[in-house]
Amino acid sequence: MIEDLKPVTVVPVGSTELAGATKVLRKFSALNLARTDAAGLYLMQALRIKQCWSSDFHLGLTDATLATDGK
């Protein structure tokens, strides 16, 4: 189902993305980030994503704008 949502893109996560996520985890080591959050932050930076729908404030740690609950 998620593959049919537009403009959602499913991005595979491999060794490059996990290495980037590790750097994010180190950068924000004082926070309790999940590796999934760190991978998302890395991908948003790498793909230059400027807006993200999320109810997780962690995804707003970089320069992306969060679009939450319709606001």
PDB file of N, CA and C in Angstrom:
ATOM      1  N   MET A   1       0.818  -1.192   0.000  1.00  0.00           N
ATOM      2  CA  MET A   1       0.000   0.000   0.000  1.00  0.00           C
ATOM      3  C   MET A   1       0.864   1.260   0.000  1.00  0.00           C
ATOM      4  N   ILE A   2       1.920   1.291   0.810  1.00  0.00           N
ATOM      5  CA  ILE A   2       2.721   2.514   0.916  1.00  0.00           C
ATOM      6  C   ILE A   2       3.337   2.906  -0.423  1.00  0.00           C
ATOM      7  N   GLU A   3       3.646   1.918  -1.250  1.00  0.00           N
ATOM      8  CA  GLU A   3       4.230   2.219  -2.555  1.00  0.00           C
ATOM      9  C   GLU A   3       3.258   2.981  -3.452  1.00  0.00           C
ATOM     10  N   ASP A   4       1.954   2.857  -3.202  1.00  0.00           N
ATOM     11  CA  ASP A   4       0.950   3.540  -4.011  1.00  0.00           C
ATOM     12  C   ASP A   4       0.681   4.977  -3.567  1.00  0.00           C
ATOM     13  N   LEU A   5       1.170   5.368  -2.399  1.00  0.00           N
ATOM     14  CA  LEU A   5       0.956   6.733  -1.910  1.00  0.00           C
ATOM     15  C   LEU A   5       1.857   7.693  -2.665  1.00  0.00           C
ATOM     16  N   LYS A   6       1.303   8.796  -3.058  1.00  0.00           N
ATOM     17  CA  LYS A   6       2.069   9.833  -3.747  1.00  0.00           C
ATOM     18  C   LYS A   6       2.018  11.091  -2.902  1.00  0.00           C
ATOM     19  N   PRO A   7       3.047  11.818  -2.697  1.00  0.00           N
ATOM     20  CA  PRO A   7       4.386  11.741  -3.269  1.00  0.00           C
ATOM     21  C   PRO A   7       5.380  10.942  -2.418  1.00  0.00           C
ATOM     22  N   VAL A   8       4.951   9.905  -1.734  1.00  0.00           N
ATOM     23  CA  VAL A   8       5.828   9.088  -0.899  1.00  0.00           C
ATOM     24  C   VAL A   8       6.771   8.270  -1.779  1.00  0.00           C
ATOM     25  N   THR A   9       8.038   8.250  -1.386  1.00  0.00           N
ATOM     26  CA  THR A   9       9.031   7.432  -2.058  1.00  0.00           C
ATOM     27  C   THR A   9       9.669   6.514  -1.027  1.00  0.00           C
ATOM     28  N   VAL A  10       9.720   5.238  -1.317  1.00  0.00           N
ATOM     29  CA  VAL A  10      10.381   4.278  -0.434  1.00  0.00           C
ATOM     30  C   VAL A  10      11.841   4.212  -0.854  1.00  0.00           C
ATOM     31  N   VAL A  11      12.733   4.497   0.092  1.00  0.00           N
ATOM     32  CA  VAL A  11      14.162   4.537  -0.199  1.00  0.00           C
ATOM     33  C   VAL A  11      14.833   3.375   0.533  1.00  0.00           C
ATOM     34  N   PRO A  12      15.584   2.551  -0.184  1.00  0.00           N
ATOM     35  CA  PRO A  12      16.278   1.453   0.485  1.00  0.00           C
ATOM     36  C   PRO A  12      17.405   1.983   1.365  1.00  0.00           C
ATOM     37  N   VAL A  13      17.645   1.273   2.450  1.00  0.00           N
ATOM     38  CA  VAL A  13      18.705   1.658   3.378  1.00  0.00           C
ATOM     39  C   VAL A  13      19.766   0.571   3.348  1.00  0.00           C
ATOM     40  N   GLY A  14      20.969   0.968   2.961  1.00  0.00           N
ATOM     41  CA  GLY A  14      22.101   0.045   2.895  1.00  0.00           C
ATOM     42  C   GLY A  14      23.238   0.525   3.779  1.00  0.00           C
ATOM     43  N   SER A  15      24.417   0.064   3.487  1.00  0.00           N
ATOM     44  CA  SER A  15      25.571   0.380   4.335  1.00  0.00           C
ATOM     45  C   SER A  15      25.910   1.876   4.336  1.00  0.00           C
ATOM     46  N   THR A  16      25.747   2.548   3.203  1.00  0.00           N
ATOM     47  CA  THR A  16      26.023   3.991   3.147  1.00  0.00           C
ATOM     48  C   THR A  16      25.076   4.761   4.060  1.00  0.00           C
ATOM     49  N   GLU A  17      23.798   4.416   3.991  1.00  0.00           N
ATOM     50  CA  GLU A  17      22.791   5.108   4.800  1.00  0.00           C
ATOM     51  C   GLU A  17      22.977   4.793   6.288  1.00  0.00           C
ATOM     52  N   LEU A  18      23.334   3.560   6.594  1.00  0.00           N
ATOM     53  CA  LEU A  18      23.571   3.201   8.001  1.00  0.00           C
ATOM     54  C   LEU A  18      24.805   3.902   8.555  1.00  0.00           C
ATOM     55  N   ALA A  19      25.824   4.089   7.722  1.00  0.00           N
ATOM     56  CA  ALA A  19      27.004   4.850   8.154  1.00  0.00           C
ATOM     57  C   ALA A  19      26.619   6.303   8.410  1.00  0.00           C
ATOM     58  N   GLY A  20      25.771   6.865   7.537  1.00  0.00           N
ATOM     59  CA  GLY A  20      25.278   8.226   7.754  1.00  0.00           C
ATOM     60  C   GLY A  20      24.445   8.321   9.010  1.00  0.00           C
ATOM     61  N   ALA A  21      23.618   7.311   9.267  1.00  0.00           N
ATOM     62  CA  ALA A  21      22.797   7.285  10.476  1.00  0.00           C
ATOM     63  C   ALA A  21      23.673   7.237  11.722  1.00  0.00           C
ATOM     64  N   THR A  22      24.764   6.511  11.653  1.00  0.00           N
ATOM     65  CA  THR A  22      25.687   6.432  12.790  1.00  0.00           C
ATOM     66  C   THR A  22      26.283   7.801  13.095  1.00  0.00           C
ATOM     67  N   LYS A  23      26.622   8.557  12.053  1.00  0.00           N
ATOM     68  CA  LYS A  23      27.138   9.920  12.261  1.00  0.00           C
ATOM     69  C   LYS A  23      26.087  10.805  12.917  1.00  0.00           C
ATOM     70  N   VAL A  24      24.830  10.661  12.508  1.00  0.00           N
ATOM     71  CA  VAL A  24      23.736  11.430  13.113  1.00  0.00           C
ATOM     72  C   VAL A  24      23.577  11.046  14.576  1.00  0.00           C
ATOM     73  N   LEU A  25      23.645   9.753  14.870  1.00  0.00           N
ATOM     74  CA  LEU A  25      23.534   9.297  16.265  1.00  0.00           C
ATOM     75  C   LEU A  25      24.641   9.894  17.123  1.00  0.00           C
ATOM     76  N   ARG A  26      25.835   9.975  16.578  1.00  0.00           N
ATOM     77  CA  ARG A  26      26.958  10.575  17.324  1.00  0.00           C
ATOM     78  C   ARG A  26      26.747  12.079  17.511  1.00  0.00           C
ATOM     79  N   LYS A  27      26.258  12.732  16.467  1.00  0.00           N
ATOM     80  CA  LYS A  27      26.030  14.186  16.543  1.00  0.00           C
ATOM     81  C   LYS A  27      25.002  14.532  17.609  1.00  0.00           C
ATOM     82  N   PHE A  28      23.946  13.724  17.707  1.00  0.00           N
ATOM     83  CA  PHE A  28      22.874  13.972  18.668  1.00  0.00           C
ATOM     84  C   PHE A  28      22.901  12.937  19.791  1.00  0.00           C
ATOM     85  N   SER A  29      24.101  12.617  20.268  1.00  0.00           N
ATOM     86  CA  SER A  29      24.257  11.548  21.257  1.00  0.00           C
ATOM     87  C   SER A  29      23.554  11.836  22.584  1.00  0.00           C
ATOM     88  N   ALA A  30      23.279  13.089  22.877  1.00  0.00           N
ATOM     89  CA  ALA A  30      22.598  13.422  24.133  1.00  0.00           C
ATOM     90  C   ALA A  30      21.103  13.093  24.082  1.00  0.00           C
ATOM     91  N   LEU A  31      20.599  12.851  22.881  1.00  0.00           N
ATOM     92  CA  LEU A  31      19.178  12.525  22.714  1.00  0.00           C
ATOM     93  C   LEU A  31      19.004  11.017  22.611  1.00  0.00           C
ATOM     94  N   ASN A  32      17.823  10.557  22.868  1.00  0.00           N
ATOM     95  CA  ASN A  32      17.523   9.136  22.786  1.00  0.00           C
ATOM     96  C   ASN A  32      16.944   8.814  21.403  1.00  0.00           C
ATOM     97  N   LEU A  33      17.788   8.947  20.376  1.00  0.00           N
ATOM     98  CA  LEU A  33      17.340   8.704  18.999  1.00  0.00           C
ATOM     99  C   LEU A  33      17.368   7.219  18.677  1.00  0.00           C
ATOM    100  N   ALA A  34      16.360   6.748  17.988  1.00  0.00           N
ATOM    101  CA  ALA A  34      16.378   5.401  17.442  1.00  0.00           C
ATOM    102  C   ALA A  34      17.188   5.427  16.149  1.00  0.00           C
ATOM    103  N   ARG A  35      17.712   4.284  15.778  1.00  0.00           N
ATOM    104  CA  ARG A  35      18.476   4.213  14.538  1.00  0.00           C
ATOM    105  C   ARG A  35      17.596   4.562  13.341  1.00  0.00           C
ATOM    106  N   THR A  36      16.330   4.238  13.428  1.00  0.00           N
ATOM    107  CA  THR A  36      15.392   4.577  12.356  1.00  0.00           C
ATOM    108  C   THR A  36      15.277   6.087  12.209  1.00  0.00           C
ATOM    109  N   ASP A  37      15.161   6.807  13.337  1.00  0.00           N
ATOM    110  CA  ASP A  37      15.116   8.272  13.294  1.00  0.00           C
ATOM    111  C   ASP A  37      16.397   8.818  12.671  1.00  0.00           C
ATOM    112  N   ALA A  38      17.538   8.282  13.097  1.00  0.00           N
ATOM    113  CA  ALA A  38      18.828   8.747  12.586  1.00  0.00           C
ATOM    114  C   ALA A  38      18.938   8.493  11.087  1.00  0.00           C
ATOM    115  N   ALA A  39      18.461   7.342  10.622  1.00  0.00           N
ATOM    116  CA  ALA A  39      18.497   7.059   9.186  1.00  0.00           C
ATOM    117  C   ALA A  39      17.600   8.036   8.433  1.00  0.00           C
ATOM    118  N   GLY A  40      16.436   8.341   8.999  1.00  0.00           N
ATOM    119  CA  GLY A  40      15.539   9.315   8.378  1.00  0.00           C
ATOM    120  C   GLY A  40      16.176  10.694   8.293  1.00  0.00           C
ATOM    121  N   LEU A  41      16.831  11.110   9.370  1.00  0.00           N
ATOM    122  CA  LEU A  41      17.508  12.411   9.363  1.00  0.00           C
ATOM    123  C   LEU A  41      18.623  12.434   8.320  1.00  0.00           C
ATOM    124  N   TYR A  42      19.384  11.354   8.255  1.00  0.00           N
ATOM    125  CA  TYR A  42      20.449  11.281   7.254  1.00  0.00           C
ATOM    126  C   TYR A  42      19.875  11.372   5.838  1.00  0.00           C
ATOM    127  N   LEU A  43      18.831  10.598   5.569  1.00  0.00           N
ATOM    128  CA  LEU A  43      18.237  10.602   4.224  1.00  0.00           C
ATOM    129  C   LEU A  43      17.649  11.954   3.866  1.00  0.00           C
ATOM    130  N   MET A  44      17.032  12.626   4.838  1.00  0.00           N
ATOM    131  CA  MET A  44      16.480  13.950   4.546  1.00  0.00           C
ATOM    132  C   MET A  44      17.590  14.921   4.168  1.00  0.00           C
ATOM    133  N   GLN A  45      18.732  14.817   4.841  1.00  0.00           N
ATOM    134  CA  GLN A  45      19.860  15.678   4.479  1.00  0.00           C
ATOM    135  C   GLN A  45      20.429  15.285   3.117  1.00  0.00           C
ATOM    136  N   ALA A  46      20.667  13.999   2.924  1.00  0.00           N
ATOM    137  CA  ALA A  46      21.296  13.526   1.688  1.00  0.00           C
ATOM    138  C   ALA A  46      20.425  13.796   0.464  1.00  0.00           C
ATOM    139  N   LEU A  47      19.124  13.675   0.622  1.00  0.00           N
ATOM    140  CA  LEU A  47      18.202  13.883  -0.495  1.00  0.00           C
ATOM    141  C   LEU A  47      17.658  15.309  -0.555  1.00  0.00           C
ATOM    142  N   ARG A  48      18.141  16.160   0.350  1.00  0.00           N
ATOM    143  CA  ARG A  48      17.745  17.571   0.421  1.00  0.00           C
ATOM    144  C   ARG A  48      16.234  17.738   0.565  1.00  0.00           C
ATOM    145  N   ILE A  49      15.655  16.919   1.425  1.00  0.00           N
ATOM    146  CA  ILE A  49      14.224  17.001   1.704  1.00  0.00           C
ATOM    147  C   ILE A  49      14.003  18.148   2.682  1.00  0.00           C
ATOM    148  N   LYS A  50      13.157  19.075   2.317  1.00  0.00           N
ATOM    149  CA  LYS A  50      12.947  20.280   3.127  1.00  0.00           C
ATOM    150  C   LYS A  50      11.702  20.220   3.987  1.00  0.00           C
ATOM    151  N   GLN A  51      10.800  19.282   3.718  1.00  0.00           N
ATOM    152  CA  GLN A  51       9.591  19.175   4.520  1.00  0.00           C
ATOM    153  C   GLN A  51       9.270  17.704   4.741  1.00  0.00           C
ATOM    154  N   CYS A  52       8.868  17.402   5.965  1.00  0.00           N
ATOM    155  CA  CYS A  52       8.597  16.019   6.346  1.00  0.00           C
ATOM    156  C   CYS A  52       7.323  15.973   7.173  1.00  0.00           C
ATOM    157  N   TRP A  53       6.434  15.030   6.855  1.00  0.00           N
ATOM    158  CA  TRP A  53       5.265  14.825   7.705  1.00  0.00           C
ATOM    159  C   TRP A  53       5.678  13.865   8.795  1.00  0.00           C
ATOM    160  N   SER A  54       5.531  14.279  10.033  1.00  0.00           N
ATOM    161  CA  SER A  54       5.889  13.414  11.146  1.00  0.00           C
ATOM    162  C   SER A  54       5.294  13.959  12.432  1.00  0.00           C
ATOM    163  N   SER A  55       4.959  13.048  13.315  1.00  0.00           N
ATOM    164  CA  SER A  55       4.556  13.461  14.661  1.00  0.00           C
ATOM    165  C   SER A  55       5.728  13.285  15.623  1.00  0.00           C
ATOM    166  N   ASP A  56       6.876  12.901  15.114  1.00  0.00           N
ATOM    167  CA  ASP A  56       8.083  12.698  15.915  1.00  0.00           C
ATOM    168  C   ASP A  56       8.966  13.936  15.794  1.00  0.00           C
ATOM    169  N   PHE A  57       9.096  14.661  16.883  1.00  0.00           N
ATOM    170  CA  PHE A  57       9.858  15.919  16.839  1.00  0.00           C
ATOM    171  C   PHE A  57      11.321  15.691  16.471  1.00  0.00           C
ATOM    172  N   HIS A  58      11.847  14.487  16.660  1.00  0.00           N
ATOM    173  CA  HIS A  58      13.240  14.229  16.315  1.00  0.00           C
ATOM    174  C   HIS A  58      13.532  14.500  14.841  1.00  0.00           C
ATOM    175  N   LEU A  59      12.549  14.301  13.981  1.00  0.00           N
ATOM    176  CA  LEU A  59      12.788  14.515  12.556  1.00  0.00           C
ATOM    177  C   LEU A  59      12.880  15.992  12.198  1.00  0.00           C
ATOM    178  N   GLY A  60      12.687  16.864  13.166  1.00  0.00           N
ATOM    179  CA  GLY A  60      12.875  18.288  12.968  1.00  0.00           C
ATOM    180  C   GLY A  60      14.211  18.787  13.485  1.00  0.00           C
ATOM    181  N   LEU A  61      15.118  17.892  13.841  1.00  0.00           N
ATOM    182  CA  LEU A  61      16.413  18.294  14.397  1.00  0.00           C
ATOM    183  C   LEU A  61      17.317  18.966  13.373  1.00  0.00           C
ATOM    184  N   THR A  62      17.090  18.699  12.113  1.00  0.00           N
ATOM    185  CA  THR A  62      17.890  19.352  11.084  1.00  0.00           C
ATOM    186  C   THR A  62      17.063  20.497  10.512  1.00  0.00           C
ATOM    187  N   ASP A  63      17.356  20.918   9.315  1.00  0.00           N
ATOM    188  CA  ASP A  63      16.664  22.096   8.769  1.00  0.00           C
ATOM    189  C   ASP A  63      15.346  21.778   8.069  1.00  0.00           C
ATOM    190  N   ALA A  64      14.864  20.551   8.141  1.00  0.00           N
ATOM    191  CA  ALA A  64      13.591  20.213   7.521  1.00  0.00           C
ATOM    192  C   ALA A  64      12.433  20.738   8.366  1.00  0.00           C
ATOM    193  N   THR A  65      11.395  21.214   7.704  1.00  0.00           N
ATOM    194  CA  THR A  65      10.183  21.673   8.373  1.00  0.00           C
ATOM    195  C   THR A  65       9.260  20.497   8.568  1.00  0.00           C
ATOM    196  N   LEU A  66       8.705  20.361   9.772  1.00  0.00           N
ATOM    197  CA  LEU A  66       7.763  19.285  10.035  1.00  0.00           C
ATOM    198  C   LEU A  66       6.347  19.747   9.765  1.00  0.00           C
ATOM    199  N   ALA A  67       5.614  18.951   9.045  1.00  0.00           N
ATOM    200  CA  ALA A  67       4.188  19.195   8.819  1.00  0.00           C
ATOM    201  C   ALA A  67       3.443  18.163   9.659  1.00  0.00           C
ATOM    202  N   THR A  68       2.864  18.597  10.756  1.00  0.00           N
ATOM    203  CA  THR A  68       2.183  17.663  11.649  1.00  0.00           C
ATOM    204  C   THR A  68       0.717  18.035  11.778  1.00  0.00           C
ATOM    205  N   ASP A  69      -0.100  17.078  11.994  1.00  0.00           N
ATOM    206  CA  ASP A  69      -1.556  17.188  12.177  1.00  0.00           C
ATOM    207  C   ASP A  69      -2.215  18.336  11.403  1.00  0.00           C
ATOM    208  N   GLY A  70      -1.812  18.469  10.154  1.00  0.00           N
ATOM    209  CA  GLY A  70      -2.482  19.423   9.270  1.00  0.00           C
ATOM    210  C   GLY A  70      -2.082  20.863   9.441  1.00  0.00           C
ATOM    211  N   LYS A  71      -1.110  21.162  10.287  1.00  0.00           N
ATOM    212  CA  LYS A  71      -0.696  22.553  10.510  1.00  0.00           C
ATOM    213  C   LYS A  71       0.420  22.937   9.586  1.00  0.00           C
TER     214      LYS A  71
END
